[in-house]
PDB file of all heavy atoms in Angstrom:
ATOM      1  N   ILE A   1      12.796  44.731 150.743  1.00  0.00           N
ATOM      2  CA  ILE A   1      13.144  44.919 152.103  1.00  0.00           C
ATOM      3  C   ILE A   1      11.979  45.804 152.820  1.00  0.00           C
ATOM      4  O   ILE A   1      11.843  46.945 152.323  1.00  0.00           O
ATOM      5  CB  ILE A   1      14.523  45.562 152.305  1.00  0.00           C
ATOM      6  CG1 ILE A   1      15.571  44.662 151.678  1.00  0.00           C
ATOM      7  CG2 ILE A   1      14.800  45.781 153.837  1.00  0.00           C
ATOM      8  CD1 ILE A   1      16.968  45.159 151.705  1.00  0.00           C
ATOM      9  N   ARG A   2      11.440  45.370 153.837  1.00  0.00           N
ATOM     10  CA  ARG A   2      10.416  46.132 154.524  1.00  0.00           C
ATOM     11  C   ARG A   2      11.197  46.972 155.626  1.00  0.00           C
ATOM     12  O   ARG A   2      12.079  46.541 156.318  1.00  0.00           O
ATOM     13  CB  ARG A   2       9.461  45.288 155.289  1.00  0.00           C
ATOM     14  CG  ARG A   2       8.603  44.423 154.276  1.00  0.00           C
ATOM     15  CD  ARG A   2       7.554  43.697 155.115  1.00  0.00           C
ATOM     16  NE  ARG A   2       6.850  42.778 154.257  1.00  0.00           N
ATOM     17  CZ  ARG A   2       5.837  43.091 153.530  1.00  0.00           C
ATOM     18  NH1 ARG A   2       5.440  44.360 153.409  1.00  0.00           N
ATOM     19  NH2 ARG A   2       5.208  42.209 152.675  1.00  0.00           N
ATOM     20  N   GLU A   3      10.899  48.295 155.624  1.00  0.00           N
ATOM     21  CA  GLU A   3      11.534  49.187 156.571  1.00  0.00           C
ATOM     22  C   GLU A   3      10.609  50.217 157.115  1.00  0.00           C
ATOM     23  O   GLU A   3      10.230  51.196 156.422  1.00  0.00           O
ATOM     24  CB  GLU A   3      12.745  49.877 155.795  1.00  0.00           C
ATOM     25  CG  GLU A   3      13.716  50.512 156.748  1.00  0.00           C
ATOM     26  CD  GLU A   3      14.989  50.849 156.078  1.00  0.00           C
ATOM     27  OE1 GLU A   3      15.015  51.913 155.267  1.00  0.00           O
ATOM     28  OE2 GLU A   3      15.984  50.084 156.182  1.00  0.00           O
ATOM     29  N   ASN A   4      10.153  50.001 158.309  1.00  0.00           N
ATOM     30  CA  ASN A   4       9.193  50.866 158.994  1.00  0.00           C
ATOM     31  C   ASN A   4       7.942  50.905 158.035  1.00  0.00           C
ATOM     32  O   ASN A   4       7.417  49.860 157.595  1.00  0.00           O
ATOM     33  CB  ASN A   4       9.657  52.277 159.228  1.00  0.00           C
ATOM     34  CG  ASN A   4      10.881  52.201 160.168  1.00  0.00           C
ATOM     35  OD1 ASN A   4      10.949  51.425 161.162  1.00  0.00           O
ATOM     36  ND2 ASN A   4      11.878  53.083 159.958  1.00  0.00           N
ATOM     37  N   GLU A   5       7.423  52.062 157.682  1.00  0.00           N
ATOM     38  CA  GLU A   5       6.262  52.119 156.902  1.00  0.00           C
ATOM     39  C   GLU A   5       6.550  52.015 155.331  1.00  0.00           C
ATOM     40  O   GLU A   5       5.640  52.004 154.518  1.00  0.00           O
ATOM     41  CB  GLU A   5       5.501  53.519 157.122  1.00  0.00           C
ATOM     42  CG  GLU A   5       6.365  54.738 156.758  1.00  0.00           C
ATOM     43  CD  GLU A   5       5.597  56.053 156.961  1.00  0.00           C
ATOM     44  OE1 GLU A   5       4.487  55.992 157.472  1.00  0.00           O
ATOM     45  OE2 GLU A   5       6.214  57.071 156.622  1.00  0.00           O
ATOM     46  N   ASN A   6       7.849  52.032 155.043  1.00  0.00           N
ATOM     47  CA  ASN A   6       8.249  52.013 153.590  1.00  0.00           C
ATOM     48  C   ASN A   6       8.713  50.649 153.159  1.00  0.00           C
ATOM     49  O   ASN A   6       8.996  49.778 153.989  1.00  0.00           O
ATOM     50  CB  ASN A   6       9.395  53.004 153.375  1.00  0.00           C
ATOM     51  CG  ASN A   6       8.986  54.480 153.680  1.00  0.00           C
ATOM     52  OD1 ASN A   6       7.909  54.952 153.300  1.00  0.00           O
ATOM     53  ND2 ASN A   6       9.791  55.089 154.492  1.00  0.00           N
ATOM     54  N   ILE A   7       8.771  50.428 151.881  1.00  0.00           N
ATOM     55  CA  ILE A   7       9.262  49.170 151.280  1.00  0.00           C
ATOM     56  C   ILE A   7      10.391  49.601 150.301  1.00  0.00           C
ATOM     57  O   ILE A   7      10.249  50.547 149.518  1.00  0.00           O
ATOM     58  CB  ILE A   7       8.204  48.492 150.510  1.00  0.00           C
ATOM     59  CG1 ILE A   7       7.193  47.951 151.464  1.00  0.00           C
ATOM     60  CG2 ILE A   7       8.833  47.331 149.725  1.00  0.00           C
ATOM     61  CD1 ILE A   7       5.922  47.356 150.764  1.00  0.00           C
ATOM     62  N   ILE A   8      11.510  48.949 150.399  1.00  0.00           N
ATOM     63  CA  ILE A   8      12.631  49.208 149.519  1.00  0.00           C
ATOM     64  C   ILE A   8      12.804  48.038 148.542  1.00  0.00           C
ATOM     65  O   ILE A   8      12.986  46.842 149.028  1.00  0.00           O
ATOM     66  CB  ILE A   8      13.975  49.470 150.254  1.00  0.00           C
ATOM     67  CG1 ILE A   8      13.821  50.659 151.156  1.00  0.00           C
ATOM     68  CG2 ILE A   8      15.152  49.630 149.327  1.00  0.00           C
ATOM     69  CD1 ILE A   8      15.003  50.940 152.104  1.00  0.00           C
ATOM     70  N   ILE A   9      12.655  48.283 147.290  1.00  0.00           N
ATOM     71  CA  ILE A   9      12.852  47.299 146.274  1.00  0.00           C
ATOM     72  C   ILE A   9      14.242  47.468 145.693  1.00  0.00           C
ATOM     73  O   ILE A   9      14.608  48.473 145.008  1.00  0.00           O
ATOM     74  CB  ILE A   9      11.801  47.442 145.133  1.00  0.00           C
ATOM     75  CG1 ILE A   9      10.336  47.340 145.716  1.00  0.00           C
ATOM     76  CG2 ILE A   9      12.033  46.322 144.084  1.00  0.00           C
ATOM     77  CD1 ILE A   9       9.274  47.725 144.710  1.00  0.00           C
ATOM     78  N   LYS A  10      15.111  46.509 145.940  1.00  0.00           N
ATOM     79  CA  LYS A  10      16.482  46.543 145.467  1.00  0.00           C
ATOM     80  C   LYS A  10      16.628  45.688 144.195  1.00  0.00           C
ATOM     81  O   LYS A  10      16.223  44.550 144.190  1.00  0.00           O
ATOM     82  CB  LYS A  10      17.502  46.082 146.646  1.00  0.00           C
ATOM     83  CG  LYS A  10      17.377  46.829 147.864  1.00  0.00           C
ATOM     84  CD  LYS A  10      18.323  46.358 148.942  1.00  0.00           C
ATOM     85  CE  LYS A  10      19.768  46.862 148.628  1.00  0.00           C
ATOM     86  NZ  LYS A  10      19.901  48.306 148.804  1.00  0.00           N
ATOM     87  N   GLN A  11      17.233  46.239 143.219  1.00  0.00           N
ATOM     88  CA  GLN A  11      17.322  45.672 141.869  1.00  0.00           C
ATOM     89  C   GLN A  11      18.801  45.616 141.379  1.00  0.00           C
ATOM     90  O   GLN A  11      19.514  46.513 141.622  1.00  0.00           O
ATOM     91  CB  GLN A  11      16.408  46.314 140.890  1.00  0.00           C
ATOM     92  CG  GLN A  11      14.950  46.310 141.250  1.00  0.00           C
ATOM     93  CD  GLN A  11      14.079  47.182 140.346  1.00  0.00           C
ATOM     94  OE1 GLN A  11      14.391  48.370 140.235  1.00  0.00           O
ATOM     95  NE2 GLN A  11      13.072  46.646 139.806  1.00  0.00           N
ATOM     96  N   ASP A  12      19.097  44.550 140.621  1.00  0.00           N
ATOM     97  CA  ASP A  12      20.373  44.404 140.094  1.00  0.00           C
ATOM     98  C   ASP A  12      20.316  44.141 138.586  1.00  0.00           C
ATOM     99  O   ASP A  12      19.666  43.178 138.177  1.00  0.00           O
ATOM    100  CB  ASP A  12      21.009  43.207 140.757  1.00  0.00           C
ATOM    101  CG  ASP A  12      22.564  42.981 140.460  1.00  0.00           C
ATOM    102  OD1 ASP A  12      22.917  43.482 139.295  1.00  0.00           O
ATOM    103  OD2 ASP A  12      23.258  42.380 141.141  1.00  0.00           O
ATOM    104  N   SER A  13      20.931  45.013 137.814  1.00  0.00           N
ATOM    105  CA  SER A  13      20.908  44.905 136.336  1.00  0.00           C
ATOM    106  C   SER A  13      22.324  44.959 135.828  1.00  0.00           C
ATOM    107  O   SER A  13      22.700  45.891 135.122  1.00  0.00           O
ATOM    108  CB  SER A  13      20.069  46.029 135.712  1.00  0.00           C
ATOM    109  OG  SER A  13      19.937  45.816 134.308  1.00  0.00           O
ATOM    110  N   GLY A  14      23.188  44.012 136.302  1.00  0.00           N
ATOM    111  CA  GLY A  14      24.566  44.012 135.910  1.00  0.00           C
ATOM    112  C   GLY A  14      25.350  45.098 136.593  1.00  0.00           C
ATOM    113  O   GLY A  14      25.357  45.173 137.801  1.00  0.00           O
ATOM    114  N   ARG A  15      25.945  46.020 135.819  1.00  0.00           N
ATOM    115  CA  ARG A  15      26.650  47.076 136.400  1.00  0.00           C
ATOM    116  C   ARG A  15      25.835  48.187 137.094  1.00  0.00           C
ATOM    117  O   ARG A  15      26.264  49.029 137.852  1.00  0.00           O
ATOM    118  CB  ARG A  15      27.551  47.798 135.372  1.00  0.00           C
ATOM    119  CG  ARG A  15      26.716  48.467 134.211  1.00  0.00           C
ATOM    120  CD  ARG A  15      27.689  49.017 133.177  1.00  0.00           C
ATOM    121  NE  ARG A  15      28.279  50.244 133.627  1.00  0.00           N
ATOM    122  CZ  ARG A  15      29.422  50.836 133.074  1.00  0.00           C
ATOM    123  NH1 ARG A  15      29.961  50.189 131.994  1.00  0.00           N
ATOM    124  NH2 ARG A  15      29.771  51.958 133.449  1.00  0.00           N
ATOM    125  N   ILE A  16      24.525  48.098 136.839  1.00  0.00           N
ATOM    126  CA  ILE A  16      23.625  49.121 137.389  1.00  0.00           C
ATOM    127  C   ILE A  16      22.837  48.502 138.620  1.00  0.00           C
ATOM    128  O   ILE A  16      22.253  47.470 138.532  1.00  0.00           O
ATOM    129  CB  ILE A  16      22.608  49.578 136.382  1.00  0.00           C
ATOM    130  CG1 ILE A  16      23.226  50.149 135.157  1.00  0.00           C
ATOM    131  CG2 ILE A  16      21.582  50.624 136.989  1.00  0.00           C
ATOM    132  CD1 ILE A  16      24.079  51.346 135.371  1.00  0.00           C
ATOM    133  N   LYS A  17      22.899  49.272 139.791  1.00  0.00           N
ATOM    134  CA  LYS A  17      22.189  48.867 140.926  1.00  0.00           C
ATOM    135  C   LYS A  17      21.070  49.910 141.252  1.00  0.00           C
ATOM    136  O   LYS A  17      21.361  51.066 141.041  1.00  0.00           O
ATOM    137  CB  LYS A  17      23.169  48.783 142.127  1.00  0.00           C
ATOM    138  CG  LYS A  17      24.395  47.948 141.883  1.00  0.00           C
ATOM    139  CD  LYS A  17      24.127  46.486 141.521  1.00  0.00           C
ATOM    140  CE  LYS A  17      25.419  45.746 141.255  1.00  0.00           C
ATOM    141  NZ  LYS A  17      25.199  44.376 140.672  1.00  0.00           N
ATOM    142  N   ILE A  18      19.931  49.391 141.576  1.00  0.00           N
ATOM    143  CA  ILE A  18      18.805  50.315 141.729  1.00  0.00           C
ATOM    144  C   ILE A  18      18.050  50.083 143.050  1.00  0.00           C
ATOM    145  O   ILE A  18      17.833  48.903 143.454  1.00  0.00           O
ATOM    146  CB  ILE A  18      17.713  50.033 140.601  1.00  0.00           C
ATOM    147  CG1 ILE A  18      18.411  50.179 139.227  1.00  0.00           C
ATOM    148  CG2 ILE A  18      16.568  50.984 140.652  1.00  0.00           C
ATOM    149  CD1 ILE A  18      18.051  49.086 138.243  1.00  0.00           C
ATOM    150  N   ASP A  19      17.794  51.182 143.751  1.00  0.00           N
ATOM    151  CA  ASP A  19      16.964  51.055 145.034  1.00  0.00           C
ATOM    152  C   ASP A  19      15.721  51.917 144.778  1.00  0.00           C
ATOM    153  O   ASP A  19      15.864  53.112 144.375  1.00  0.00           O
ATOM    154  CB  ASP A  19      17.740  51.692 146.271  1.00  0.00           C
ATOM    155  CG  ASP A  19      18.894  50.735 146.653  1.00  0.00           C
ATOM    156  OD1 ASP A  19      18.983  49.613 146.103  1.00  0.00           O
ATOM    157  OD2 ASP A  19      19.602  51.127 147.641  1.00  0.00           O
ATOM    158  N   ASN A  20      14.530  51.349 144.982  1.00  0.00           N
ATOM    159  CA  ASN A  20      13.294  52.047 144.897  1.00  0.00           C
ATOM    160  C   ASN A  20      12.686  52.082 146.345  1.00  0.00           C
ATOM    161  O   ASN A  20      12.501  51.035 146.921  1.00  0.00           O
ATOM    162  CB  ASN A  20      12.326  51.314 144.001  1.00  0.00           C
ATOM    163  CG  ASN A  20      12.854  51.017 142.647  1.00  0.00           C
ATOM    164  OD1 ASN A  20      12.756  51.819 141.686  1.00  0.00           O
ATOM    165  ND2 ASN A  20      13.589  49.862 142.591  1.00  0.00           N
ATOM    166  N   MET A  21      12.326  53.264 146.827  1.00  0.00           N
ATOM    167  CA  MET A  21      11.664  53.352 148.088  1.00  0.00           C
ATOM    168  C   MET A  21      10.091  53.597 147.787  1.00  0.00           C
ATOM    169  O   MET A  21       9.844  54.689 147.222  1.00  0.00           O
ATOM    170  CB  MET A  21      12.151  54.493 149.013  1.00  0.00           C
ATOM    171  CG  MET A  21      11.365  54.616 150.322  1.00  0.00           C
ATOM    172  SD  MET A  21      12.023  55.907 151.411  1.00  0.00           S
ATOM    173  CE  MET A  21      13.404  55.109 152.118  1.00  0.00           C
ATOM    174  N   VAL A  22       9.279  52.760 148.217  1.00  0.00           N
ATOM    175  CA  VAL A  22       7.900  52.863 148.005  1.00  0.00           C
ATOM    176  C   VAL A  22       7.165  53.208 149.376  1.00  0.00           C
ATOM    177  O   VAL A  22       7.373  52.526 150.355  1.00  0.00           O
ATOM    178  CB  VAL A  22       7.232  51.605 147.406  1.00  0.00           C
ATOM    179  CG1 VAL A  22       5.773  51.730 147.200  1.00  0.00           C
ATOM    180  CG2 VAL A  22       7.995  51.242 146.112  1.00  0.00           C
ATOM    181  N   GLY A  23       6.384  54.257 149.350  1.00  0.00           N
ATOM    182  CA  GLY A  23       5.754  54.730 150.580  1.00  0.00           C
ATOM    183  C   GLY A  23       4.443  53.936 150.881  1.00  0.00           C
ATOM    184  O   GLY A  23       4.028  53.144 150.046  1.00  0.00           O
ATOM    185  N   PRO A  24       3.833  54.219 152.002  1.00  0.00           N
ATOM    186  CA  PRO A  24       2.536  53.551 152.363  1.00  0.00           C
ATOM    187  C   PRO A  24       1.449  53.804 151.380  1.00  0.00           C
ATOM    188  O   PRO A  24       0.485  53.061 151.451  1.00  0.00           O
ATOM    189  CB  PRO A  24       2.265  54.154 153.774  1.00  0.00           C
ATOM    190  CG  PRO A  24       3.097  55.380 153.888  1.00  0.00           C
ATOM    191  CD  PRO A  24       4.333  55.210 153.096  1.00  0.00           C
ATOM    192  N   ASN A  25       1.579  54.902 150.621  1.00  0.00           N
ATOM    193  CA  ASN A  25       0.487  55.157 149.616  1.00  0.00           C
ATOM    194  C   ASN A  25       0.761  54.408 148.328  1.00  0.00           C
ATOM    195  O   ASN A  25       0.102  54.609 147.315  1.00  0.00           O
ATOM    196  CB  ASN A  25       0.396  56.676 149.374  1.00  0.00           C
ATOM    197  CG  ASN A  25       1.740  57.249 148.734  1.00  0.00           C
ATOM    198  OD1 ASN A  25       2.748  56.545 148.654  1.00  0.00           O
ATOM    199  ND2 ASN A  25       1.702  58.544 148.513  1.00  0.00           N
ATOM    200  N   ARG A  26       1.805  53.501 148.308  1.00  0.00           N
ATOM    201  CA  ARG A  26       2.220  52.711 147.187  1.00  0.00           C
ATOM    202  C   ARG A  26       2.716  53.535 146.026  1.00  0.00           C
ATOM    203  O   ARG A  26       2.670  53.074 144.869  1.00  0.00           O
ATOM    204  CB  ARG A  26       1.020  51.770 146.768  1.00  0.00           C
ATOM    205  CG  ARG A  26       0.690  50.687 147.741  1.00  0.00           C
ATOM    206  CD  ARG A  26      -0.359  49.712 147.231  1.00  0.00           C
ATOM    207  NE  ARG A  26       0.105  49.043 146.015  1.00  0.00           N
ATOM    208  CZ  ARG A  26       0.851  48.000 145.942  1.00  0.00           C
ATOM    209  NH1 ARG A  26       1.203  47.397 147.098  1.00  0.00           N
ATOM    210  NH2 ARG A  26       1.163  47.430 144.764  1.00  0.00           N
ATOM    211  N   LYS A  27       3.201  54.691 146.285  1.00  0.00           N
ATOM    212  CA  LYS A  27       3.830  55.578 145.216  1.00  0.00           C
ATOM    213  C   LYS A  27       5.350  55.610 145.563  1.00  0.00           C
ATOM    214  O   LYS A  27       5.826  55.551 146.678  1.00  0.00           O
ATOM    215  CB  LYS A  27       3.253  56.935 145.297  1.00  0.00           C
ATOM    216  CG  LYS A  27       1.810  56.994 144.973  1.00  0.00           C
ATOM    217  CD  LYS A  27       1.426  56.457 143.635  1.00  0.00           C
ATOM    218  CE  LYS A  27       1.969  57.304 142.495  1.00  0.00           C
ATOM    219  NZ  LYS A  27       1.626  56.872 141.175  1.00  0.00           N
ATOM    220  N   LEU A  28       6.096  55.702 144.390  1.00  0.00           N
ATOM    221  CA  LEU A  28       7.563  55.775 144.509  1.00  0.00           C
ATOM    222  C   LEU A  28       7.932  57.122 145.240  1.00  0.00           C
ATOM    223  O   LEU A  28       7.562  58.204 144.741  1.00  0.00           O
ATOM    224  CB  LEU A  28       8.132  55.783 143.091  1.00  0.00           C
ATOM    225  CG  LEU A  28       9.664  55.773 143.023  1.00  0.00           C
ATOM    226  CD1 LEU A  28      10.198  54.422 143.623  1.00  0.00           C
ATOM    227  CD2 LEU A  28      10.082  55.836 141.596  1.00  0.00           C
ATOM    228  N   LYS A  29       8.654  57.045 146.340  1.00  0.00           N
ATOM    229  CA  LYS A  29       9.076  58.244 147.013  1.00  0.00           C
ATOM    230  C   LYS A  29      10.543  58.627 146.672  1.00  0.00           C
ATOM    231  O   LYS A  29      10.877  59.707 146.660  1.00  0.00           O
ATOM    232  CB  LYS A  29       9.043  57.965 148.598  1.00  0.00           C
ATOM    233  CG  LYS A  29       7.680  57.840 149.126  1.00  0.00           C
ATOM    234  CD  LYS A  29       7.656  57.451 150.572  1.00  0.00           C
ATOM    235  CE  LYS A  29       8.455  58.429 151.497  1.00  0.00           C
ATOM    236  NZ  LYS A  29       8.342  58.072 152.890  1.00  0.00           N
ATOM    237  N   LYS A  30      11.332  57.566 146.424  1.00  0.00           N
ATOM    238  CA  LYS A  30      12.735  57.835 146.106  1.00  0.00           C
ATOM    239  C   LYS A  30      13.237  56.713 145.252  1.00  0.00           C
ATOM    240  O   LYS A  30      12.965  55.596 145.371  1.00  0.00           O
ATOM    241  CB  LYS A  30      13.498  57.887 147.476  1.00  0.00           C
ATOM    242  CG  LYS A  30      14.948  58.384 147.310  1.00  0.00           C
ATOM    243  CD  LYS A  30      15.641  58.329 148.711  1.00  0.00           C
ATOM    244  CE  LYS A  30      16.955  59.080 148.658  1.00  0.00           C
ATOM    245  NZ  LYS A  30      16.847  60.481 148.763  1.00  0.00           N
TER     246      LYS A  30
END
């Protein structure tokens, strides 16, 4: 999901849900 200057990568691994926020520098912010 693109959101302003960041990208959010949403992942589903069964019971585990994961959100990764990647900044414009292509590094994981959150």
